[in-house]
Protein backbone atom coordinates (compact mmCIF):
# COMPACT_ATOMS: atom_id res chain seq x y z
CA MET A 1 94.13 94.87 125.97
CA ASP A 2 94.40 97.47 123.20
CA GLY A 3 91.53 98.54 120.97
CA LYS A 4 92.56 96.49 117.97
CA THR A 5 92.74 93.34 120.08
CA LYS A 6 89.33 94.03 121.61
CA ALA A 7 87.92 94.53 118.11
CA ILE A 8 89.32 91.21 116.93
CA VAL A 9 88.16 89.34 120.06
CA ALA A 10 84.66 90.74 119.49
CA HIS A 11 84.51 88.70 116.28
CA ILE A 12 84.72 85.41 118.20
CA PHE A 13 80.97 84.74 118.19
CA TRP A 14 78.80 86.06 121.05
CA ILE A 15 81.19 85.15 123.86
CA GLY A 16 84.00 87.19 122.34
CA TRP A 17 81.60 90.06 121.74
CA ILE A 18 80.50 90.01 125.39
CA ILE A 19 84.10 89.84 126.62
CA SER A 20 85.05 92.82 124.42
CA LEU A 21 82.01 94.77 125.58
CA VAL A 22 82.81 94.23 129.27
CA VAL A 23 86.52 94.98 128.86
CA ASN A 24 85.77 98.05 126.74
CA MET A 25 83.39 99.44 129.38
CA LYS A 26 86.30 99.83 131.80
CA ASP A 27 88.72 101.37 129.30
CA LYS A 28 86.83 102.80 126.30
CA ASP A 29 88.60 102.61 122.98
CA GLU A 30 87.20 104.13 119.80
CA ILE A 31 88.04 101.27 117.42
CA ALA A 32 86.79 98.61 119.85
CA SER A 33 83.51 100.48 120.38
CA PHE A 34 83.15 100.84 116.60
CA TYR A 35 83.44 97.09 116.02
CA ILE A 36 81.30 96.18 119.02
CA ARG A 37 78.52 98.27 117.46
CA GLN A 38 79.12 96.80 113.98
CA LEU A 39 78.99 93.24 115.25
CA LEU A 40 75.88 93.82 117.34
CA GLY A 41 74.20 95.01 114.16
CA ILE A 42 75.48 92.05 112.15
CA TYR A 43 74.31 89.55 114.78
CA LEU A 44 70.87 91.18 115.05
CA PHE A 45 70.60 91.30 111.25
CA SER A 46 71.32 87.58 111.11
CA LEU A 47 68.77 86.84 113.82
CA ALA A 48 66.08 88.98 112.14
CA VAL A 49 66.59 87.36 108.73
CA THR A 50 66.49 83.88 110.24
CA ILE A 51 63.28 84.60 112.15
CA LEU A 52 61.67 86.22 109.10
CA ALA A 53 62.68 83.33 106.82
CA ASN A 54 61.32 80.75 109.25
CA PHE A 55 58.10 82.69 109.82
CA ALA A 56 57.54 83.15 106.09
CA ASN A 57 58.67 79.56 105.37
CA MET A 58 61.29 80.77 102.88
CA PRO A 59 64.48 78.70 103.28
CA MET A 60 66.18 80.53 100.39
CA LEU A 61 65.86 83.81 102.31
CA SER A 62 67.56 82.17 105.28
CA THR A 63 70.39 80.92 103.06
CA LEU A 64 70.82 84.31 101.40
CA GLY A 65 70.76 86.04 104.80
CA GLY A 66 73.41 83.64 106.06
CA ILE A 67 75.65 84.39 103.10
CA VAL A 68 75.23 88.15 103.52
CA THR A 69 75.92 87.84 107.26
CA LEU A 70 79.09 85.84 106.58
CA VAL A 71 80.30 88.41 104.03
CA PHE A 72 79.62 91.28 106.49
CA TRP A 73 81.42 89.39 109.28
CA VAL A 74 84.48 88.63 107.13
CA LEU A 75 84.71 92.23 105.88
CA SER A 76 84.44 93.45 109.46
CA LEU A 77 87.09 91.03 110.71
CA ILE A 78 89.53 91.98 107.94
CA SER A 79 89.10 95.67 108.74
CA ALA A 80 89.57 95.00 112.47
CA ILE A 81 92.77 93.05 111.81
CA GLN A 82 94.05 95.95 109.70
CA GLY A 83 93.17 98.34 112.52
CA GLU A 84 90.91 100.44 110.30
CA LYS A 85 87.36 101.56 111.01
CA LYS A 86 85.36 100.49 107.95
CA GLU A 87 81.60 100.14 108.08
CA VAL A 88 79.97 97.10 106.51
CA PRO A 89 78.27 97.98 103.20
CA ILE A 90 74.79 99.50 103.13
CA VAL A 91 73.83 99.08 106.81
CA GLY A 92 77.04 99.84 108.71
CA ASN A 93 76.30 103.52 109.22
CA TYR A 94 72.88 102.62 110.64
CA PHE A 95 74.52 100.26 113.15
CA GLN A 96 76.79 103.09 114.30
CA GLU A 97 73.81 105.42 114.75
CA TRP A 98 71.46 102.95 116.40
CA PHE A 99 74.00 101.65 118.91
CA LYS A 100 75.95 104.86 119.56
CA THR A 101 75.47 104.51 123.32
CA ILE A 102 77.67 101.40 123.35
């Protein structure tokens, strides 16, 4: 599996992300690693916003977080399909730094 394919497979919810992570561990590819890190950040962002919104009893925050997560995911998927490494806006560079060991 080439790097672009691994990057696209990683976008198929958590199971695709796990498959890409395992496959990429055996044969590291720069673009696949990039998108594995981006998606881990996107998924954790979504989880954090959902927990915060539920804890603070703010359903609008949850809705807004869901929309932002969807936009980040779509932008990431489009870039992966094009075979380009593009960070998601605002937080993408942090994801690359925080998860650089992946």
